[in-house]
């Protein structure tokens, strides 16, 4: 069954997401870009508030693809106690490869759970997926760098998303990027490990606005029903 990842900006929002039924509570600062990082102290507070009742994740920021910079950001975020660390890959294939290679020993030595985030609106190169798997990445997801209202499906057709999920089958997979309910109903059929949202569960569908518990709850129910429909279709 696909799980629901909800991005939050504070411990207060983390508790709202928890109450609304989110499966993964993701700490992110939408004011700082697609994967804007929150201060480490805020992430630590949110992790403490969730207190192990849900999986937590956090983004390391929209960073240039410089191995030392990316590795430092990952280790700093690991100090918060968050379960999953999300790293955005914004560079060329060569730059991304250098960062993956640099992260591999850290993942193994410190037993880190790391997710690579590829940007659907920046011509993502799926050929790096086997390298991510070999380096020990727990998962990989697709998101959008530009937050202009266009969804993930505006940038990649369903066929490309299906190919991504099939290539990444040995890792946990996520789909995100200005998704609305109608998008989610379509994407669940592809069985990603999780669906990520922010704007869809905020007041006025504005990712910069406050999280709305009732919208998280509604989306959680939608996701549950979609998962059940997929299961029923598989058994038919």
C-alpha atoms as a PDB file:
ATOM      1  CA  UNK A   1       0.000   0.000   0.000  1.00  0.00           C
ATOM      2  CA  UNK A   2       1.226   3.482  -0.835  1.00  0.00           C
ATOM      3  CA  UNK A   3       1.785   5.684   2.219  1.00  0.00           C
ATOM      4  CA  UNK A   4       1.142   9.399   2.689  1.00  0.00           C
ATOM      5  CA  UNK A   5       4.085  11.756   3.265  1.00  0.00           C
ATOM      6  CA  UNK A   6       3.149  15.223   4.497  1.00  0.00           C
ATOM      7  CA  UNK A   7       5.697  18.056   4.627  1.00  0.00           C
ATOM      8  CA  UNK A   8       5.564  20.273   7.720  1.00  0.00           C
ATOM      9  CA  UNK A   9       7.411  23.366   8.889  1.00  0.00           C
ATOM     10  CA  UNK A  10       7.328  23.036  12.687  1.00  0.00           C
ATOM     11  CA  UNK A  11       6.624  20.782  15.643  1.00  0.00           C
ATOM     12  CA  UNK A  12       3.093  22.229  15.743  1.00  0.00           C
ATOM     13  CA  UNK A  13       2.445  21.226  12.137  1.00  0.00           C
ATOM     14  CA  UNK A  14       4.054  17.839  12.755  1.00  0.00           C
ATOM     15  CA  UNK A  15       1.415  17.135  15.397  1.00  0.00           C
ATOM     16  CA  UNK A  16      -1.343  18.254  13.015  1.00  0.00           C
ATOM     17  CA  UNK A  17      -0.041  15.883  10.349  1.00  0.00           C
ATOM     18  CA  UNK A  18       0.156  13.110  12.937  1.00  0.00           C
ATOM     19  CA  UNK A  19      -3.439  13.692  14.034  1.00  0.00           C
ATOM     20  CA  UNK A  20      -4.584  13.803  10.414  1.00  0.00           C
ATOM     21  CA  UNK A  21      -3.184  10.374   9.650  1.00  0.00           C
ATOM     22  CA  UNK A  22       0.055  11.058   7.772  1.00  0.00           C
ATOM     23  CA  UNK A  23       2.326   8.021   7.566  1.00  0.00           C
ATOM     24  CA  UNK A  24       5.578   9.948   7.098  1.00  0.00           C
ATOM     25  CA  UNK A  25       6.086  13.406   8.594  1.00  0.00           C
ATOM     26  CA  UNK A  26       8.582  15.350   6.518  1.00  0.00           C
ATOM     27  CA  UNK A  27      10.338  18.499   7.778  1.00  0.00           C
ATOM     28  CA  UNK A  28      10.836  21.073   5.050  1.00  0.00           C
ATOM     29  CA  UNK A  29      10.995  24.865   4.660  1.00  0.00           C
ATOM     30  CA  UNK A  30       8.917  25.809   1.564  1.00  0.00           C
ATOM     31  CA  UNK A  31      10.189  29.390   1.758  1.00  0.00           C
ATOM     32  CA  UNK A  32      13.696  28.170   0.899  1.00  0.00           C
ATOM     33  CA  UNK A  33      13.004  26.283  -2.310  1.00  0.00           C
ATOM     34  CA  UNK A  34      11.739  22.884  -3.381  1.00  0.00           C
ATOM     35  CA  UNK A  35      13.703  21.107  -0.649  1.00  0.00           C
ATOM     36  CA  UNK A  36      14.436  24.010   1.665  1.00  0.00           C
ATOM     37  CA  UNK A  37      15.959  22.895   4.965  1.00  0.00           C
ATOM     38  CA  UNK A  38      14.590  23.886   8.346  1.00  0.00           C
ATOM     39  CA  UNK A  39      16.989  24.859  11.166  1.00  0.00           C
ATOM     40  CA  UNK A  40      18.355  21.781  12.900  1.00  0.00           C
ATOM     41  CA  UNK A  41      16.765  22.889  16.165  1.00  0.00           C
ATOM     42  CA  UNK A  42      13.300  22.975  14.552  1.00  0.00           C
ATOM     43  CA  UNK A  43      13.791  19.506  13.067  1.00  0.00           C
ATOM     44  CA  UNK A  44      14.890  18.184  16.462  1.00  0.00           C
ATOM     45  CA  UNK A  45      11.802  19.704  18.104  1.00  0.00           C
ATOM     46  CA  UNK A  46       9.504  18.140  15.511  1.00  0.00           C
ATOM     47  CA  UNK A  47      11.173  14.736  15.834  1.00  0.00           C
ATOM     48  CA  UNK A  48      10.743  14.936  19.620  1.00  0.00           C
ATOM     49  CA  UNK A  49       7.078  15.941  19.234  1.00  0.00           C
ATOM     50  CA  UNK A  50       6.335  12.985  16.960  1.00  0.00           C
ATOM     51  CA  UNK A  51       8.149  10.790  19.495  1.00  0.00           C
ATOM     52  CA  UNK A  52       8.416   7.691  17.331  1.00  0.00           C
ATOM     53  CA  UNK A  53       4.710   7.493  16.536  1.00  0.00           C
ATOM     54  CA  UNK A  54       5.392   7.983  12.822  1.00  0.00           C
ATOM     55  CA  UNK A  55       8.375   7.842  10.504  1.00  0.00           C
ATOM     56  CA  UNK A  56      10.045  11.244  10.205  1.00  0.00           C
ATOM     57  CA  UNK A  57      12.092  12.699   7.374  1.00  0.00           C
ATOM     58  CA  UNK A  58      13.841  15.976   6.651  1.00  0.00           C
ATOM     59  CA  UNK A  59      15.336  17.713   3.635  1.00  0.00           C
ATOM     60  CA  UNK A  60      18.897  19.005   3.508  1.00  0.00           C
ATOM     61  CA  UNK A  61      18.167  22.010   1.266  1.00  0.00           C
ATOM     62  CA  UNK A  62      18.512  23.092  -2.348  1.00  0.00           C
ATOM     63  CA  UNK A  63      22.268  22.638  -2.353  1.00  0.00           C
ATOM     64  CA  UNK A  64      24.818  22.889  -5.153  1.00  0.00           C
ATOM     65  CA  UNK A  65      26.136  19.467  -6.049  1.00  0.00           C
ATOM     66  CA  UNK A  66      29.433  19.722  -4.194  1.00  0.00           C
ATOM     67  CA  UNK A  67      30.267  16.440  -2.411  1.00  0.00           C
ATOM     68  CA  UNK A  68      31.740  17.979   0.746  1.00  0.00           C
ATOM     69  CA  UNK A  69      28.814  20.380   1.127  1.00  0.00           C
ATOM     70  CA  UNK A  70      26.217  17.658   0.585  1.00  0.00           C
ATOM     71  CA  UNK A  71      27.943  15.229   2.967  1.00  0.00           C
ATOM     72  CA  UNK A  72      28.213  17.874   5.696  1.00  0.00           C
ATOM     73  CA  UNK A  73      24.515  18.708   5.353  1.00  0.00           C
ATOM     74  CA  UNK A  74      23.566  15.042   5.615  1.00  0.00           C
ATOM     75  CA  UNK A  75      25.632  14.481   8.761  1.00  0.00           C
ATOM     76  CA  UNK A  76      24.280  17.627  10.396  1.00  0.00           C
ATOM     77  CA  UNK A  77      20.711  16.545   9.685  1.00  0.00           C
ATOM     78  CA  UNK A  78      21.477  13.060  11.032  1.00  0.00           C
ATOM     79  CA  UNK A  79      22.294  14.684  14.398  1.00  0.00           C
ATOM     80  CA  UNK A  80      18.603  15.628  14.827  1.00  0.00           C
ATOM     81  CA  UNK A  81      17.536  12.009  15.165  1.00  0.00           C
ATOM     82  CA  UNK A  82      15.278  12.153  12.111  1.00  0.00           C
ATOM     83  CA  UNK A  83      14.588   8.744  10.564  1.00  0.00           C
ATOM     84  CA  UNK A  84      15.089   9.591   6.873  1.00  0.00           C
ATOM     85  CA  UNK A  85      17.322  12.215   5.264  1.00  0.00           C
ATOM     86  CA  UNK A  86      16.263  13.533   1.853  1.00  0.00           C
ATOM     87  CA  UNK A  87      18.950  14.830  -0.514  1.00  0.00           C
ATOM     88  CA  UNK A  88      18.050  16.771  -3.635  1.00  0.00           C
ATOM     89  CA  UNK A  89      20.028  16.085  -6.804  1.00  0.00           C
ATOM     90  CA  UNK A  90      20.102  19.255  -8.889  1.00  0.00           C
ATOM     91  CA  UNK A  91      23.313  18.880 -10.889  1.00  0.00           C
ATOM     92  CA  UNK A  92      24.573  17.246 -14.040  1.00  0.00           C
ATOM     93  CA  UNK A  93      24.892  13.465 -14.212  1.00  0.00           C
ATOM     94  CA  UNK A  94      28.604  13.741 -13.430  1.00  0.00           C
ATOM     95  CA  UNK A  95      28.058  16.078 -10.448  1.00  0.00           C
ATOM     96  CA  UNK A  96      25.308  13.833  -9.098  1.00  0.00           C
ATOM     97  CA  UNK A  97      27.530  10.779  -9.487  1.00  0.00           C
ATOM     98  CA  UNK A  98      30.336  12.421  -7.504  1.00  0.00           C
ATOM     99  CA  UNK A  99      27.912  13.210  -4.662  1.00  0.00           C
ATOM    100  CA  UNK A 100      26.498   9.679  -4.637  1.00  0.00           C
ATOM    101  CA  UNK A 101      30.018   8.247  -4.487  1.00  0.00           C
ATOM    102  CA  UNK A 102      30.906  10.565  -1.595  1.00  0.00           C
ATOM    103  CA  UNK A 103      27.759   9.637   0.339  1.00  0.00           C
ATOM    104  CA  UNK A 104      28.173   5.878  -0.012  1.00  0.00           C
ATOM    105  CA  UNK A 105      30.723   5.376   2.803  1.00  0.00           C
ATOM    106  CA  UNK A 106      28.761   7.664   5.142  1.00  0.00           C
ATOM    107  CA  UNK A 107      25.567   5.700   4.553  1.00  0.00           C
ATOM    108  CA  UNK A 108      27.339   2.451   5.361  1.00  0.00           C
ATOM    109  CA  UNK A 109      29.441   3.641   8.285  1.00  0.00           C
ATOM    110  CA  UNK A 110      26.684   5.559  10.078  1.00  0.00           C
ATOM    111  CA  UNK A 111      23.780   3.342   8.964  1.00  0.00           C
ATOM    112  CA  UNK A 112      21.944   6.315   7.498  1.00  0.00           C
ATOM    113  CA  UNK A 113      18.578   6.087   5.784  1.00  0.00           C
ATOM    114  CA  UNK A 114      18.889   8.409   2.794  1.00  0.00           C
ATOM    115  CA  UNK A 115      16.466   9.224  -0.013  1.00  0.00           C
ATOM    116  CA  UNK A 116      17.581  10.820  -3.262  1.00  0.00           C
ATOM    117  CA  UNK A 117      15.170  13.370  -4.729  1.00  0.00           C
ATOM    118  CA  UNK A 118      15.262  13.879  -8.499  1.00  0.00           C
ATOM    119  CA  UNK A 119      13.557  16.851 -10.130  1.00  0.00           C
ATOM    120  CA  UNK A 120      10.994  16.012 -12.790  1.00  0.00           C
ATOM    121  CA  UNK A 121      11.215  19.490 -14.315  1.00  0.00           C
ATOM    122  CA  UNK A 122      15.009  19.384 -14.656  1.00  0.00           C
ATOM    123  CA  UNK A 123      15.389  16.500 -17.107  1.00  0.00           C
ATOM    124  CA  UNK A 124      16.144  13.824 -14.494  1.00  0.00           C
ATOM    125  CA  UNK A 125      18.557  11.122 -15.572  1.00  0.00           C
ATOM    126  CA  UNK A 126      17.177   7.760 -14.479  1.00  0.00           C
ATOM    127  CA  UNK A 127      20.427   6.006 -15.357  1.00  0.00           C
ATOM    128  CA  UNK A 128      21.769   6.973 -11.908  1.00  0.00           C
ATOM    129  CA  UNK A 129      19.163   4.783 -10.170  1.00  0.00           C
ATOM    130  CA  UNK A 130      21.319   1.626 -10.141  1.00  0.00           C
ATOM    131  CA  UNK A 131      24.190   3.686  -8.700  1.00  0.00           C
ATOM    132  CA  UNK A 132      21.913   4.987  -5.925  1.00  0.00           C
ATOM    133  CA  UNK A 133      20.868   1.453  -5.081  1.00  0.00           C
ATOM    134  CA  UNK A 134      24.466   0.222  -5.048  1.00  0.00           C
ATOM    135  CA  UNK A 135      25.475   3.124  -2.782  1.00  0.00           C
ATOM    136  CA  UNK A 136      22.928   2.028  -0.193  1.00  0.00           C
ATOM    137  CA  UNK A 137      20.247   4.684  -0.651  1.00  0.00           C
ATOM    138  CA  UNK A 138      17.025   3.608   1.076  1.00  0.00           C
ATOM    139  CA  UNK A 139      14.882   5.253  -1.556  1.00  0.00           C
ATOM    140  CA  UNK A 140      14.443   7.662  -4.421  1.00  0.00           C
ATOM    141  CA  UNK A 141      11.637  10.032  -5.264  1.00  0.00           C
ATOM    142  CA  UNK A 142      10.522  12.443  -7.945  1.00  0.00           C
ATOM    143  CA  UNK A 143       9.517  16.005  -7.106  1.00  0.00           C
ATOM    144  CA  UNK A 144       9.421  19.340  -8.920  1.00  0.00           C
ATOM    145  CA  UNK A 145      11.949  22.128  -8.393  1.00  0.00           C
ATOM    146  CA  UNK A 146       9.676  24.876  -9.706  1.00  0.00           C
ATOM    147  CA  UNK A 147       6.606  25.498  -7.585  1.00  0.00           C
ATOM    148  CA  UNK A 148       4.493  27.340 -10.160  1.00  0.00           C
ATOM    149  CA  UNK A 149       1.311  25.332  -9.790  1.00  0.00           C
ATOM    150  CA  UNK A 150       2.196  22.741 -12.423  1.00  0.00           C
ATOM    151  CA  UNK A 151       2.120  19.227 -11.089  1.00  0.00           C
ATOM    152  CA  UNK A 152       4.502  16.318 -11.521  1.00  0.00           C
ATOM    153  CA  UNK A 153       2.284  15.080 -14.341  1.00  0.00           C
ATOM    154  CA  UNK A 154       2.807  18.346 -16.223  1.00  0.00           C
ATOM    155  CA  UNK A 155       6.471  17.469 -16.611  1.00  0.00           C
ATOM    156  CA  UNK A 156       6.559  13.708 -17.039  1.00  0.00           C
ATOM    157  CA  UNK A 157       3.958  11.457 -18.697  1.00  0.00           C
ATOM    158  CA  UNK A 158       2.581   8.417 -16.927  1.00  0.00           C
ATOM    159  CA  UNK A 159       4.792   6.177 -19.059  1.00  0.00           C
ATOM    160  CA  UNK A 160       7.946   7.936 -17.784  1.00  0.00           C
ATOM    161  CA  UNK A 161       6.761   7.686 -14.178  1.00  0.00           C
ATOM    162  CA  UNK A 162       6.080   3.982 -14.627  1.00  0.00           C
ATOM    163  CA  UNK A 163       9.568   3.512 -16.070  1.00  0.00           C
ATOM    164  CA  UNK A 164      11.057   5.356 -13.082  1.00  0.00           C
ATOM    165  CA  UNK A 165       9.213   3.139 -10.601  1.00  0.00           C
ATOM    166  CA  UNK A 166      10.246  -0.027 -12.411  1.00  0.00           C
ATOM    167  CA  UNK A 167      13.918   1.022 -12.538  1.00  0.00           C
ATOM    168  CA  UNK A 168      13.855   1.880  -8.829  1.00  0.00           C
ATOM    169  CA  UNK A 169      12.050  -1.283  -7.743  1.00  0.00           C
ATOM    170  CA  UNK A 170      14.851  -2.315  -5.363  1.00  0.00           C
ATOM    171  CA  UNK A 171      14.412   0.915  -3.368  1.00  0.00           C
ATOM    172  CA  UNK A 172      11.466   2.666  -1.733  1.00  0.00           C
ATOM    173  CA  UNK A 173       9.880   5.068  -4.215  1.00  0.00           C
ATOM    174  CA  UNK A 174       8.072   8.370  -3.810  1.00  0.00           C
ATOM    175  CA  UNK A 175       6.133  10.699  -6.085  1.00  0.00           C
ATOM    176  CA  UNK A 176       5.508  14.354  -5.266  1.00  0.00           C
ATOM    177  CA  UNK A 177       5.215  17.743  -6.930  1.00  0.00           C
ATOM    178  CA  UNK A 178       2.127  19.975  -6.527  1.00  0.00           C
ATOM    179  CA  UNK A 179      -0.167  16.947  -6.499  1.00  0.00           C
ATOM    180  CA  UNK A 180      -3.936  17.237  -6.088  1.00  0.00           C
ATOM    181  CA  UNK A 181      -6.473  14.537  -5.277  1.00  0.00           C
ATOM    182  CA  UNK A 182      -7.181  13.732  -8.921  1.00  0.00           C
ATOM    183  CA  UNK A 183      -3.441  13.236  -9.535  1.00  0.00           C
ATOM    184  CA  UNK A 184      -3.092  10.981  -6.528  1.00  0.00           C
ATOM    185  CA  UNK A 185      -5.959   8.731  -7.607  1.00  0.00           C
ATOM    186  CA  UNK A 186      -4.111   8.149 -10.886  1.00  0.00           C
ATOM    187  CA  UNK A 187      -0.660   7.692  -9.368  1.00  0.00           C
ATOM    188  CA  UNK A 188      -1.699   5.152  -6.722  1.00  0.00           C
ATOM    189  CA  UNK A 189      -2.402   2.688  -9.529  1.00  0.00           C
ATOM    190  CA  UNK A 190       1.369   2.616 -10.139  1.00  0.00           C
ATOM    191  CA  UNK A 191       2.005   1.547  -6.521  1.00  0.00           C
ATOM    192  CA  UNK A 192       4.743   3.960  -5.395  1.00  0.00           C
ATOM    193  CA  UNK A 193       5.889   3.408  -1.818  1.00  0.00           C
ATOM    194  CA  UNK A 194       4.541   6.821  -0.858  1.00  0.00           C
ATOM    195  CA  UNK A 195       2.932   9.987  -2.176  1.00  0.00           C
ATOM    196  CA  UNK A 196       4.301  13.350  -0.956  1.00  0.00           C
ATOM    197  CA  UNK A 197       2.234  16.502  -0.487  1.00  0.00           C
ATOM    198  CA  UNK A 198       2.431  19.987   0.997  1.00  0.00           C
ATOM    199  CA  UNK A 199       0.186  22.462  -0.825  1.00  0.00           C
ATOM    200  CA  UNK A 200      -2.671  19.958  -1.127  1.00  0.00           C
ATOM    201  CA  UNK A 201      -3.070  19.912   2.659  1.00  0.00           C
ATOM    202  CA  UNK A 202      -2.527  23.611   3.386  1.00  0.00           C
ATOM    203  CA  UNK A 203      -5.070  26.406   3.770  1.00  0.00           C
ATOM    204  CA  UNK A 204      -6.063  27.657   0.323  1.00  0.00           C
ATOM    205  CA  UNK A 205      -3.885  24.943  -1.281  1.00  0.00           C
ATOM    206  CA  UNK A 206      -0.986  27.348  -0.703  1.00  0.00           C
ATOM    207  CA  UNK A 207       2.229  25.541   0.263  1.00  0.00           C
ATOM    208  CA  UNK A 208       3.354  28.670   2.123  1.00  0.00           C
ATOM    209  CA  UNK A 209       0.186  28.715   4.276  1.00  0.00           C
ATOM    210  CA  UNK A 210      -0.517  26.771   7.446  1.00  0.00           C
ATOM    211  CA  UNK A 211      -1.108  23.032   7.386  1.00  0.00           C
ATOM    212  CA  UNK A 212      -4.768  22.006   7.741  1.00  0.00           C
ATOM    213  CA  UNK A 213      -5.405  18.873   9.798  1.00  0.00           C
ATOM    214  CA  UNK A 214      -8.798  18.220   8.182  1.00  0.00           C
ATOM    215  CA  UNK A 215      -7.214  18.225   4.716  1.00  0.00           C
ATOM    216  CA  UNK A 216      -4.557  15.777   5.854  1.00  0.00           C
ATOM    217  CA  UNK A 217      -7.330  13.567   7.235  1.00  0.00           C
ATOM    218  CA  UNK A 218      -9.354  13.802   4.022  1.00  0.00           C
ATOM    219  CA  UNK A 219      -6.349  12.950   1.873  1.00  0.00           C
ATOM    220  CA  UNK A 220      -5.460  10.063   4.160  1.00  0.00           C
ATOM    221  CA  UNK A 221      -8.945   8.622   3.598  1.00  0.00           C
ATOM    222  CA  UNK A 222      -8.653   9.145  -0.167  1.00  0.00           C
ATOM    223  CA  UNK A 223      -5.310   7.347  -0.176  1.00  0.00           C
ATOM    224  CA  UNK A 224      -6.726   4.473   1.851  1.00  0.00           C
ATOM    225  CA  UNK A 225      -9.668   4.055  -0.511  1.00  0.00           C
ATOM    226  CA  UNK A 226      -7.417   4.225  -3.577  1.00  0.00           C
ATOM    227  CA  UNK A 227      -5.133   1.581  -2.111  1.00  0.00           C
ATOM    228  CA  UNK A 228      -8.135  -0.665  -1.451  1.00  0.00           C
ATOM    229  CA  UNK A 229      -9.343  -0.216  -5.021  1.00  0.00           C
ATOM    230  CA  UNK A 230      -5.940  -1.205  -6.358  1.00  0.00           C
ATOM    231  CA  UNK A 231      -5.856  -4.268  -4.102  1.00  0.00           C
ATOM    232  CA  UNK A 232      -9.329  -5.293  -5.261  1.00  0.00           C
ATOM    233  CA  UNK A 233      -8.325  -4.911  -8.906  1.00  0.00           C
ATOM    234  CA  UNK A 234      -5.258  -7.084  -8.318  1.00  0.00           C
ATOM    235  CA  UNK A 235      -7.407  -9.828  -6.790  1.00  0.00           C
ATOM    236  CA  UNK A 236     -10.034  -9.717  -9.540  1.00  0.00           C
END
